[in-house]
Amino acid sequence: MLRRILLALALLATGEAAKAKADPKECEVCIANLEAIDKLIDKDEKTSKQSIMEAITKHCGDLQNEQPNPALNARDRKMCYYFEPIRAAIAQPFSTRMPKDRVCKRLKQSNGEICNVKYQVQVDNNLSDEEMLAQLKKKRVKELKGILNDRGVKCEGCLEKDDFIKKIMATNGMSTDF
């Protein structure tokens, strides 16, 4: 009986460890923005909550007057709109030099959308067809749909992963920059 309980606990623990490793891109936009904000702060000011809040405003731009930083891409601007009302909540753990991923996970508890923002999936067009095919087969259907959507292509009648891959390969020369 004791063996079964220990075995069950061991299986449960390994399952939790697998969940923790599940998505390496979790909170990637949040972490990237916090690192950019960290670079704006002087070394001797890193523990000052006021200087952290000023750095958030400097990084994001004046969002209250609808003038975001033009140097930011769409995902970073979206993250800034999440950051602006909770600057003080960001500054508190940030001032204690908590790791950026832990700050983002703490913020996720109050706003679940913070870690759902992800950068666009990039496809390297310099690869040979065989290498690109191998790379695309590793991606999820949701990512493949995103690639097609970025190219402005609709995949009529695509039901399976192979259909999406064929459409991406057919539209390989199309630019994703608008």
N, C-alpha and C. Protein backbone atom coordinates (compact mmCIF):
# COMPACT_ATOMS: atom_id res chain seq x y z
N MET A 1 0.83 -1.19 0.00
CA MET A 1 0.00 0.00 0.00
C MET A 1 0.87 1.26 0.00
N LEU A 2 1.91 1.26 0.82
CA LEU A 2 2.81 2.40 0.90
C LEU A 2 3.55 2.60 -0.42
N ARG A 3 3.91 1.50 -1.07
CA ARG A 3 4.59 1.58 -2.37
C ARG A 3 3.70 2.26 -3.40
N ARG A 4 2.43 1.91 -3.40
CA ARG A 4 1.50 2.50 -4.37
C ARG A 4 1.36 4.00 -4.15
N ILE A 5 1.30 4.40 -2.91
CA ILE A 5 1.18 5.82 -2.60
C ILE A 5 2.44 6.56 -3.05
N LEU A 6 3.61 5.98 -2.75
CA LEU A 6 4.86 6.60 -3.16
C LEU A 6 4.99 6.66 -4.68
N LEU A 7 4.55 5.60 -5.35
CA LEU A 7 4.58 5.57 -6.81
C LEU A 7 3.65 6.64 -7.38
N ALA A 8 2.48 6.76 -6.80
CA ALA A 8 1.53 7.78 -7.27
C ALA A 8 2.09 9.18 -7.06
N LEU A 9 2.73 9.42 -5.93
CA LEU A 9 3.32 10.73 -5.68
C LEU A 9 4.47 11.02 -6.64
N ALA A 10 5.26 10.00 -6.94
CA ALA A 10 6.38 10.18 -7.87
C ALA A 10 5.85 10.51 -9.27
N LEU A 11 4.80 9.83 -9.70
CA LEU A 11 4.22 10.11 -11.01
C LEU A 11 3.62 11.51 -11.05
N LEU A 12 2.99 11.91 -9.98
CA LEU A 12 2.41 13.24 -9.91
C LEU A 12 3.50 14.31 -9.98
N ALA A 13 4.60 14.08 -9.30
CA ALA A 13 5.70 15.05 -9.30
C ALA A 13 6.33 15.17 -10.68
N THR A 14 6.50 14.06 -11.39
CA THR A 14 7.07 14.12 -12.73
C THR A 14 6.11 14.79 -13.70
N GLY A 15 4.82 14.61 -13.49
CA GLY A 15 3.82 15.27 -14.32
C GLY A 15 3.87 16.78 -14.13
N GLU A 16 4.05 17.24 -12.91
CA GLU A 16 4.16 18.67 -12.63
C GLU A 16 5.44 19.24 -13.24
N ALA A 17 6.52 18.48 -13.19
CA ALA A 17 7.78 18.94 -13.78
C ALA A 17 7.64 19.07 -15.29
N ALA A 18 6.91 18.15 -15.91
CA ALA A 18 6.70 18.21 -17.36
C ALA A 18 5.87 19.44 -17.73
N LYS A 19 4.89 19.79 -16.90
CA LYS A 19 4.08 20.97 -17.16
C LYS A 19 4.93 22.23 -17.09
N ALA A 20 5.87 22.26 -16.18
CA ALA A 20 6.71 23.44 -16.01
C ALA A 20 7.59 23.67 -17.23
N LYS A 21 7.99 22.62 -17.93
CA LYS A 21 8.84 22.73 -19.10
C LYS A 21 8.02 22.85 -20.38
N ALA A 22 6.71 22.83 -20.30
CA ALA A 22 5.84 22.69 -21.45
C ALA A 22 6.07 23.74 -22.53
N ASP A 23 6.08 25.02 -22.20
CA ASP A 23 6.15 26.06 -23.21
C ASP A 23 7.32 26.99 -22.96
N PRO A 24 8.40 26.84 -23.72
CA PRO A 24 9.55 27.71 -23.50
C PRO A 24 9.28 29.16 -23.89
N LYS A 25 8.24 29.40 -24.68
CA LYS A 25 7.92 30.76 -25.11
C LYS A 25 6.87 31.42 -24.22
N GLU A 26 6.55 30.79 -23.09
CA GLU A 26 5.57 31.38 -22.20
C GLU A 26 6.11 32.70 -21.65
N CYS A 27 5.30 33.71 -21.71
CA CYS A 27 5.64 35.05 -21.20
C CYS A 27 6.81 35.69 -21.94
N GLU A 28 7.10 35.28 -23.17
CA GLU A 28 8.28 35.79 -23.87
C GLU A 28 8.21 37.29 -24.12
N VAL A 29 7.04 37.82 -24.44
CA VAL A 29 6.92 39.26 -24.70
C VAL A 29 7.07 40.04 -23.40
N CYS A 30 6.48 39.54 -22.34
CA CYS A 30 6.59 40.18 -21.02
C CYS A 30 8.05 40.22 -20.58
N ILE A 31 8.73 39.11 -20.68
CA ILE A 31 10.13 39.04 -20.25
C ILE A 31 11.01 39.97 -21.09
N ALA A 32 10.78 39.98 -22.41
CA ALA A 32 11.58 40.83 -23.29
C ALA A 32 11.37 42.31 -22.95
N ASN A 33 10.14 42.70 -22.65
CA ASN A 33 9.87 44.10 -22.30
C ASN A 33 10.48 44.45 -20.95
N LEU A 34 10.40 43.54 -19.99
CA LEU A 34 11.00 43.82 -18.69
C LEU A 34 12.52 43.95 -18.80
N GLU A 35 13.13 43.15 -19.67
CA GLU A 35 14.58 43.26 -19.87
C GLU A 35 14.94 44.59 -20.53
N ALA A 36 14.10 45.03 -21.47
CA ALA A 36 14.35 46.33 -22.11
C ALA A 36 14.19 47.47 -21.10
N ILE A 37 13.21 47.34 -20.22
CA ILE A 37 13.01 48.35 -19.17
C ILE A 37 14.20 48.34 -18.21
N ASP A 38 14.69 47.15 -17.89
CA ASP A 38 15.83 47.02 -16.98
C ASP A 38 17.07 47.72 -17.54
N LYS A 39 17.25 47.67 -18.85
CA LYS A 39 18.41 48.32 -19.47
C LYS A 39 18.33 49.85 -19.39
N LEU A 40 17.12 50.38 -19.24
CA LEU A 40 16.94 51.83 -19.17
C LEU A 40 17.26 52.41 -17.79
N ILE A 41 17.37 51.54 -16.80
CA ILE A 41 17.56 51.99 -15.42
C ILE A 41 19.05 51.94 -15.07
N ASP A 42 19.54 53.00 -14.43
CA ASP A 42 20.93 53.03 -13.96
C ASP A 42 21.13 51.97 -12.88
N LYS A 43 22.36 51.49 -12.75
CA LYS A 43 22.65 50.45 -11.76
C LYS A 43 22.28 50.86 -10.34
N ASP A 44 22.57 52.09 -9.97
CA ASP A 44 22.29 52.51 -8.60
C ASP A 44 20.81 52.84 -8.37
N GLU A 45 20.00 52.87 -9.43
CA GLU A 45 18.57 53.17 -9.31
C GLU A 45 17.69 51.93 -9.42
N LYS A 46 18.28 50.76 -9.56
CA LYS A 46 17.50 49.54 -9.81
C LYS A 46 16.59 49.15 -8.65
N THR A 47 16.84 49.65 -7.46
CA THR A 47 15.98 49.31 -6.32
C THR A 47 14.95 50.40 -6.04
N SER A 48 14.97 51.47 -6.81
CA SER A 48 14.03 52.58 -6.62
C SER A 48 12.75 52.31 -7.42
N LYS A 49 11.64 52.21 -6.75
CA LYS A 49 10.36 51.95 -7.42
C LYS A 49 9.99 53.10 -8.35
N GLN A 50 10.28 54.32 -7.93
CA GLN A 50 9.95 55.49 -8.74
C GLN A 50 10.72 55.46 -10.07
N SER A 51 12.00 55.14 -10.02
CA SER A 51 12.79 55.10 -11.26
C SER A 51 12.35 53.95 -12.16
N ILE A 52 11.88 52.86 -11.57
CA ILE A 52 11.37 51.74 -12.36
C ILE A 52 10.09 52.16 -13.08
N MET A 53 9.20 52.85 -12.37
CA MET A 53 7.95 53.31 -13.00
C MET A 53 8.24 54.33 -14.10
N GLU A 54 9.23 55.19 -13.90
CA GLU A 54 9.62 56.15 -14.94
C GLU A 54 10.21 55.43 -16.15
N ALA A 55 10.97 54.38 -15.91
CA ALA A 55 11.55 53.61 -17.02
C ALA A 55 10.45 52.90 -17.82
N ILE A 56 9.41 52.43 -17.14
CA ILE A 56 8.28 51.80 -17.85
C ILE A 56 7.63 52.83 -18.76
N THR A 57 7.41 54.04 -18.24
CA THR A 57 6.81 55.10 -19.04
C THR A 57 7.72 55.48 -20.21
N LYS A 58 9.01 55.54 -19.97
CA LYS A 58 9.97 55.88 -21.03
C LYS A 58 9.99 54.79 -22.11
N HIS A 59 9.96 53.54 -21.69
CA HIS A 59 9.98 52.43 -22.65
C HIS A 59 8.69 52.38 -23.47
N CYS A 60 7.57 52.56 -22.81
CA CYS A 60 6.27 52.39 -23.47
C CYS A 60 5.79 53.64 -24.18
N GLY A 61 6.23 54.80 -23.77
CA GLY A 61 5.73 56.04 -24.34
C GLY A 61 4.60 56.57 -23.48
N ASP A 62 3.94 57.61 -23.97
CA ASP A 62 2.84 58.25 -23.23
C ASP A 62 1.53 57.60 -23.64
N LEU A 63 1.17 56.52 -22.98
CA LEU A 63 -0.03 55.78 -23.36
C LEU A 63 -1.31 56.49 -22.92
N GLN A 64 -1.23 57.32 -21.89
CA GLN A 64 -2.43 58.03 -21.44
C GLN A 64 -2.90 59.04 -22.47
N ASN A 65 -1.99 59.59 -23.24
CA ASN A 65 -2.34 60.52 -24.32
C ASN A 65 -2.28 59.82 -25.68
N GLU A 66 -2.31 58.52 -25.66
CA GLU A 66 -2.33 57.67 -26.86
C GLU A 66 -1.15 57.97 -27.79
N GLN A 67 0.03 58.06 -27.21
CA GLN A 67 1.25 58.25 -27.98
C GLN A 67 2.27 57.20 -27.58
N PRO A 68 2.05 55.94 -28.02
CA PRO A 68 3.01 54.90 -27.64
C PRO A 68 4.35 55.11 -28.33
N ASN A 69 5.35 54.45 -27.82
CA ASN A 69 6.69 54.52 -28.38
C ASN A 69 6.65 53.93 -29.80
N PRO A 70 6.98 54.73 -30.83
CA PRO A 70 6.89 54.22 -32.21
C PRO A 70 7.93 53.15 -32.52
N ALA A 71 8.96 53.02 -31.70
CA ALA A 71 10.00 52.01 -31.95
C ALA A 71 9.53 50.60 -31.58
N LEU A 72 8.43 50.49 -30.86
CA LEU A 72 7.94 49.17 -30.42
C LEU A 72 7.08 48.53 -31.50
N ASN A 73 7.15 47.20 -31.58
CA ASN A 73 6.27 46.50 -32.50
C ASN A 73 4.89 46.31 -31.85
N ALA A 74 3.96 45.72 -32.58
CA ALA A 74 2.58 45.60 -32.10
C ALA A 74 2.48 44.79 -30.81
N ARG A 75 3.23 43.72 -30.70
CA ARG A 75 3.16 42.87 -29.50
C ARG A 75 3.70 43.62 -28.27
N ASP A 76 4.79 44.36 -28.47
CA ASP A 76 5.38 45.11 -27.37
C ASP A 76 4.45 46.24 -26.92
N ARG A 77 3.79 46.89 -27.89
CA ARG A 77 2.83 47.94 -27.53
C ARG A 77 1.66 47.35 -26.73
N LYS A 78 1.21 46.19 -27.14
CA LYS A 78 0.11 45.54 -26.41
C LYS A 78 0.53 45.24 -24.97
N MET A 79 1.76 44.77 -24.81
CA MET A 79 2.26 44.49 -23.46
C MET A 79 2.35 45.79 -22.66
N CYS A 80 2.73 46.87 -23.30
CA CYS A 80 2.80 48.15 -22.60
C CYS A 80 1.41 48.60 -22.13
N TYR A 81 0.39 48.32 -22.91
CA TYR A 81 -0.97 48.66 -22.47
C TYR A 81 -1.36 47.84 -21.24
N TYR A 82 -0.83 46.64 -21.12
CA TYR A 82 -1.06 45.86 -19.90
C TYR A 82 -0.24 46.41 -18.74
N PHE A 83 0.99 46.86 -19.03
CA PHE A 83 1.89 47.33 -17.98
C PHE A 83 1.47 48.67 -17.38
N GLU A 84 0.96 49.58 -18.20
CA GLU A 84 0.72 50.96 -17.77
C GLU A 84 -0.14 51.06 -16.50
N PRO A 85 -1.29 50.40 -16.40
CA PRO A 85 -2.08 50.58 -15.18
C PRO A 85 -1.50 49.87 -13.95
N ILE A 86 -0.57 48.95 -14.15
CA ILE A 86 -0.03 48.19 -13.01
C ILE A 86 1.46 48.46 -12.80
N ARG A 87 1.89 49.66 -13.13
CA ARG A 87 3.31 50.00 -13.00
C ARG A 87 3.81 49.77 -11.58
N ALA A 88 3.01 50.13 -10.59
CA ALA A 88 3.44 49.95 -9.19
C ALA A 88 3.57 48.47 -8.84
N ALA A 89 2.66 47.65 -9.37
CA ALA A 89 2.72 46.21 -9.12
C ALA A 89 3.94 45.58 -9.80
N ILE A 90 4.39 46.16 -10.88
CA ILE A 90 5.60 45.68 -11.56
C ILE A 90 6.83 46.15 -10.79
N ALA A 91 6.80 47.39 -10.33
CA ALA A 91 7.96 47.99 -9.67
C ALA A 91 8.32 47.28 -8.36
N GLN A 92 7.32 46.78 -7.64
CA GLN A 92 7.59 46.14 -6.35
C GLN A 92 8.52 44.93 -6.49
N PRO A 93 8.15 43.88 -7.25
CA PRO A 93 9.07 42.74 -7.35
C PRO A 93 10.33 43.07 -8.16
N PHE A 94 10.19 43.99 -9.10
CA PHE A 94 11.32 44.40 -9.93
C PHE A 94 12.40 45.04 -9.07
N SER A 95 11.98 45.83 -8.07
CA SER A 95 12.94 46.52 -7.21
C SER A 95 13.69 45.56 -6.28
N THR A 96 13.12 44.39 -6.04
CA THR A 96 13.80 43.39 -5.22
C THR A 96 14.69 42.48 -6.07
N ARG A 97 14.80 42.83 -7.35
CA ARG A 97 15.63 42.09 -8.32
C ARG A 97 15.17 40.66 -8.52
N MET A 98 13.85 40.48 -8.47
CA MET A 98 13.27 39.17 -8.77
C MET A 98 13.50 38.88 -10.25
N PRO A 99 13.78 37.64 -10.62
CA PRO A 99 13.97 37.31 -12.04
C PRO A 99 12.75 37.70 -12.88
N LYS A 100 13.01 38.10 -14.11
CA LYS A 100 11.95 38.62 -14.98
C LYS A 100 10.84 37.60 -15.21
N ASP A 101 11.19 36.34 -15.37
CA ASP A 101 10.15 35.33 -15.61
C ASP A 101 9.24 35.18 -14.41
N ARG A 102 9.79 35.30 -13.21
CA ARG A 102 8.97 35.20 -12.00
C ARG A 102 8.08 36.43 -11.85
N VAL A 103 8.59 37.60 -12.24
CA VAL A 103 7.76 38.81 -12.20
C VAL A 103 6.56 38.63 -13.13
N CYS A 104 6.82 38.11 -14.33
CA CYS A 104 5.73 37.92 -15.30
C CYS A 104 4.72 36.89 -14.79
N LYS A 105 5.20 35.83 -14.19
CA LYS A 105 4.27 34.82 -13.67
C LYS A 105 3.45 35.37 -12.51
N ARG A 106 4.03 36.25 -11.72
CA ARG A 106 3.28 36.89 -10.64
C ARG A 106 2.22 37.82 -11.23
N LEU A 107 2.58 38.55 -12.28
CA LEU A 107 1.61 39.44 -12.93
C LEU A 107 0.50 38.64 -13.61
N LYS A 108 0.85 37.46 -14.07
CA LYS A 108 -0.13 36.59 -14.74
C LYS A 108 -1.26 36.21 -13.79
N GLN A 109 -0.98 36.13 -12.51
CA GLN A 109 -2.02 35.78 -11.54
C GLN A 109 -3.11 36.84 -11.50
N SER A 110 -2.75 38.11 -11.69
CA SER A 110 -3.76 39.16 -11.67
C SER A 110 -4.35 39.41 -13.06
N ASN A 111 -3.59 39.17 -14.12
CA ASN A 111 -4.07 39.35 -15.48
C ASN A 111 -3.53 38.21 -16.34
N GLY A 112 -4.37 37.24 -16.62
CA GLY A 112 -3.94 36.05 -17.35
C GLY A 112 -3.48 36.31 -18.77
N GLU A 113 -3.84 37.46 -19.33
CA GLU A 113 -3.47 37.77 -20.71
C GLU A 113 -1.99 38.12 -20.87
N ILE A 114 -1.34 38.48 -19.79
CA ILE A 114 0.05 38.94 -19.89
C ILE A 114 0.96 37.88 -20.50
N CYS A 115 0.79 36.64 -20.14
CA CYS A 115 1.66 35.59 -20.68
C CYS A 115 1.10 34.97 -21.96
N ASN A 116 -0.06 35.39 -22.40
CA ASN A 116 -0.62 34.85 -23.64
C ASN A 116 -0.15 35.59 -24.87
N VAL A 117 0.43 36.77 -24.70
CA VAL A 117 0.95 37.54 -25.83
C VAL A 117 2.26 36.90 -26.27
N LYS A 118 2.34 36.55 -27.55
CA LYS A 118 3.54 35.91 -28.07
C LYS A 118 3.97 36.62 -29.35
N TYR A 119 5.27 36.56 -29.63
CA TYR A 119 5.77 37.13 -30.87
C TYR A 119 5.33 36.26 -32.03
N GLN A 120 5.28 36.87 -33.23
CA GLN A 120 4.89 36.13 -34.41
C GLN A 120 5.91 35.04 -34.71
N VAL A 121 5.41 33.95 -35.25
CA VAL A 121 6.27 32.84 -35.63
C VAL A 121 7.03 33.24 -36.89
N GLN A 122 8.33 33.13 -36.85
CA GLN A 122 9.16 33.50 -37.98
C GLN A 122 9.58 32.26 -38.76
N VAL A 123 9.56 32.39 -40.08
CA VAL A 123 10.00 31.31 -40.95
C VAL A 123 11.23 31.81 -41.68
N ASP A 124 12.30 31.03 -41.63
CA ASP A 124 13.54 31.40 -42.29
C ASP A 124 13.42 31.04 -43.77
N ASN A 125 13.35 32.06 -44.63
CA ASN A 125 13.20 31.82 -46.07
C ASN A 125 14.51 31.43 -46.73
N ASN A 126 15.62 31.46 -46.01
CA ASN A 126 16.92 31.12 -46.59
C ASN A 126 17.20 29.62 -46.57
N LEU A 127 16.28 28.85 -46.00
CA LEU A 127 16.48 27.40 -45.92
C LEU A 127 16.12 26.73 -47.24
N SER A 128 16.69 25.57 -47.46
CA SER A 128 16.30 24.79 -48.63
C SER A 128 14.89 24.25 -48.39
N ASP A 129 14.26 23.76 -49.45
CA ASP A 129 12.89 23.26 -49.33
C ASP A 129 12.79 22.10 -48.35
N GLU A 130 13.78 21.21 -48.35
CA GLU A 130 13.75 20.06 -47.44
C GLU A 130 13.88 20.50 -45.99
N GLU A 131 14.79 21.45 -45.75
CA GLU A 131 14.98 21.95 -44.38
C GLU A 131 13.74 22.69 -43.89
N MET A 132 13.13 23.50 -44.79
CA MET A 132 11.93 24.23 -44.40
C MET A 132 10.78 23.27 -44.13
N LEU A 133 10.66 22.23 -44.94
CA LEU A 133 9.61 21.24 -44.74
C LEU A 133 9.78 20.55 -43.38
N ALA A 134 11.02 20.21 -43.04
CA ALA A 134 11.28 19.58 -41.74
C ALA A 134 10.95 20.54 -40.60
N GLN A 135 11.27 21.82 -40.78
CA GLN A 135 10.98 22.82 -39.75
C GLN A 135 9.47 23.01 -39.60
N LEU A 136 8.74 23.05 -40.70
CA LEU A 136 7.29 23.25 -40.64
C LEU A 136 6.57 22.06 -40.02
N LYS A 137 7.09 20.87 -40.24
CA LYS A 137 6.44 19.68 -39.67
C LYS A 137 6.53 19.66 -38.15
N LYS A 138 7.49 20.37 -37.58
CA LYS A 138 7.64 20.43 -36.13
C LYS A 138 6.67 21.42 -35.50
N LYS A 139 6.09 22.31 -36.31
CA LYS A 139 5.22 23.35 -35.78
C LYS A 139 3.80 22.84 -35.58
N ARG A 140 3.07 23.54 -34.73
CA ARG A 140 1.67 23.21 -34.48
C ARG A 140 0.81 23.84 -35.57
N VAL A 141 -0.40 23.32 -35.74
CA VAL A 141 -1.31 23.83 -36.76
C VAL A 141 -1.62 25.30 -36.50
N LYS A 142 -1.76 25.68 -35.25
CA LYS A 142 -2.04 27.07 -34.91
C LYS A 142 -0.92 27.99 -35.41
N GLU A 143 0.33 27.56 -35.28
CA GLU A 143 1.45 28.35 -35.77
C GLU A 143 1.46 28.41 -37.29
N LEU A 144 1.11 27.30 -37.94
CA LEU A 144 1.04 27.28 -39.40
C LEU A 144 -0.04 28.23 -39.90
N LYS A 145 -1.18 28.24 -39.22
CA LYS A 145 -2.26 29.17 -39.58
C LYS A 145 -1.79 30.61 -39.42
N GLY A 146 -1.02 30.86 -38.37
CA GLY A 146 -0.50 32.20 -38.14
C GLY A 146 0.45 32.65 -39.24
N ILE A 147 1.27 31.74 -39.73
CA ILE A 147 2.19 32.06 -40.82
C ILE A 147 1.40 32.44 -42.07
N LEU A 148 0.38 31.65 -42.38
CA LEU A 148 -0.44 31.95 -43.55
C LEU A 148 -1.18 33.27 -43.36
N ASN A 149 -1.68 33.50 -42.17
CA ASN A 149 -2.40 34.74 -41.89
C ASN A 149 -1.48 35.95 -42.04
N ASP A 150 -0.22 35.83 -41.59
CA ASP A 150 0.75 36.92 -41.74
C ASP A 150 1.03 37.21 -43.21
N ARG A 151 0.96 36.20 -44.03
CA ARG A 151 1.18 36.37 -45.47
C ARG A 151 -0.07 36.85 -46.18
N GLY A 152 -1.19 36.87 -45.49
CA GLY A 152 -2.45 37.30 -46.10
C GLY A 152 -3.06 36.24 -46.99
N VAL A 153 -2.77 34.98 -46.71
CA VAL A 153 -3.26 33.88 -47.53
C VAL A 153 -4.31 33.10 -46.75
N LYS A 154 -5.41 32.81 -47.43
CA LYS A 154 -6.45 31.96 -46.83
C LYS A 154 -6.26 30.56 -47.38
N CYS A 155 -6.39 29.59 -46.51
CA CYS A 155 -6.21 28.20 -46.92
C CYS A 155 -7.60 27.56 -46.99
N GLU A 156 -8.22 27.67 -48.16
CA GLU A 156 -9.55 27.11 -48.36
C GLU A 156 -9.45 25.59 -48.43
N GLY A 157 -10.24 24.92 -47.64
CA GLY A 157 -10.28 23.47 -47.66
C GLY A 157 -9.14 22.79 -46.94
N CYS A 158 -8.36 23.52 -46.19
CA CYS A 158 -7.27 22.92 -45.42
C CYS A 158 -7.83 22.30 -44.16
N LEU A 159 -7.67 21.01 -44.02
CA LEU A 159 -8.19 20.31 -42.86
C LEU A 159 -7.08 19.70 -42.01
N GLU A 160 -6.02 19.27 -42.65
CA GLU A 160 -4.95 18.60 -41.94
C GLU A 160 -3.67 19.43 -41.98
N LYS A 161 -2.75 19.06 -41.14
CA LYS A 161 -1.48 19.77 -41.03
C LYS A 161 -0.75 19.79 -42.37
N ASP A 162 -0.78 18.68 -43.09
CA ASP A 162 -0.09 18.60 -44.38
C ASP A 162 -0.65 19.61 -45.38
N ASP A 163 -1.97 19.87 -45.32
CA ASP A 163 -2.58 20.85 -46.22
C ASP A 163 -2.02 22.25 -45.96
N PHE A 164 -1.87 22.60 -44.69
CA PHE A 164 -1.32 23.91 -44.34
C PHE A 164 0.14 24.02 -44.76
N ILE A 165 0.89 22.94 -44.58
CA ILE A 165 2.31 22.94 -44.96
C ILE A 165 2.46 23.12 -46.47
N LYS A 166 1.61 22.43 -47.25
CA LYS A 166 1.66 22.56 -48.71
C LYS A 166 1.37 24.00 -49.14
N LYS A 167 0.40 24.63 -48.48
CA LYS A 167 0.04 26.01 -48.82
C LYS A 167 1.18 26.97 -48.46
N ILE A 168 1.83 26.73 -47.34
CA ILE A 168 2.97 27.57 -46.94
C ILE A 168 4.11 27.41 -47.94
N MET A 169 4.38 26.18 -48.35
CA MET A 169 5.45 25.94 -49.32
C MET A 169 5.11 26.59 -50.66
N ALA A 170 3.83 26.59 -51.04
CA ALA A 170 3.42 27.20 -52.30
C ALA A 170 3.54 28.72 -52.27
N THR A 171 3.37 29.30 -51.09
CA THR A 171 3.45 30.76 -50.95
C THR A 171 4.76 31.17 -50.31
N ASN A 172 5.79 30.40 -50.48
CA ASN A 172 7.06 30.61 -49.79
C ASN A 172 7.71 31.94 -50.14
N GLY A 173 7.57 32.42 -51.36
CA GLY A 173 8.24 33.66 -51.77
C GLY A 173 7.55 34.92 -51.30
N MET A 174 6.35 34.79 -50.72
CA MET A 174 5.60 35.98 -50.31
C MET A 174 6.22 36.60 -49.07
N SER A 175 6.24 37.90 -49.04
CA SER A 175 6.81 38.64 -47.91
C SER A 175 5.79 38.77 -46.80
N THR A 176 6.27 38.76 -45.56
CA THR A 176 5.39 38.96 -44.41
C THR A 176 5.44 40.40 -43.94
N ASP A 177 6.25 41.25 -44.57
CA ASP A 177 6.35 42.66 -44.18
C ASP A 177 5.33 43.47 -44.96
N PHE A 178 4.62 44.30 -44.27
CA PHE A 178 3.62 45.13 -44.94
C PHE A 178 4.01 46.58 -44.87
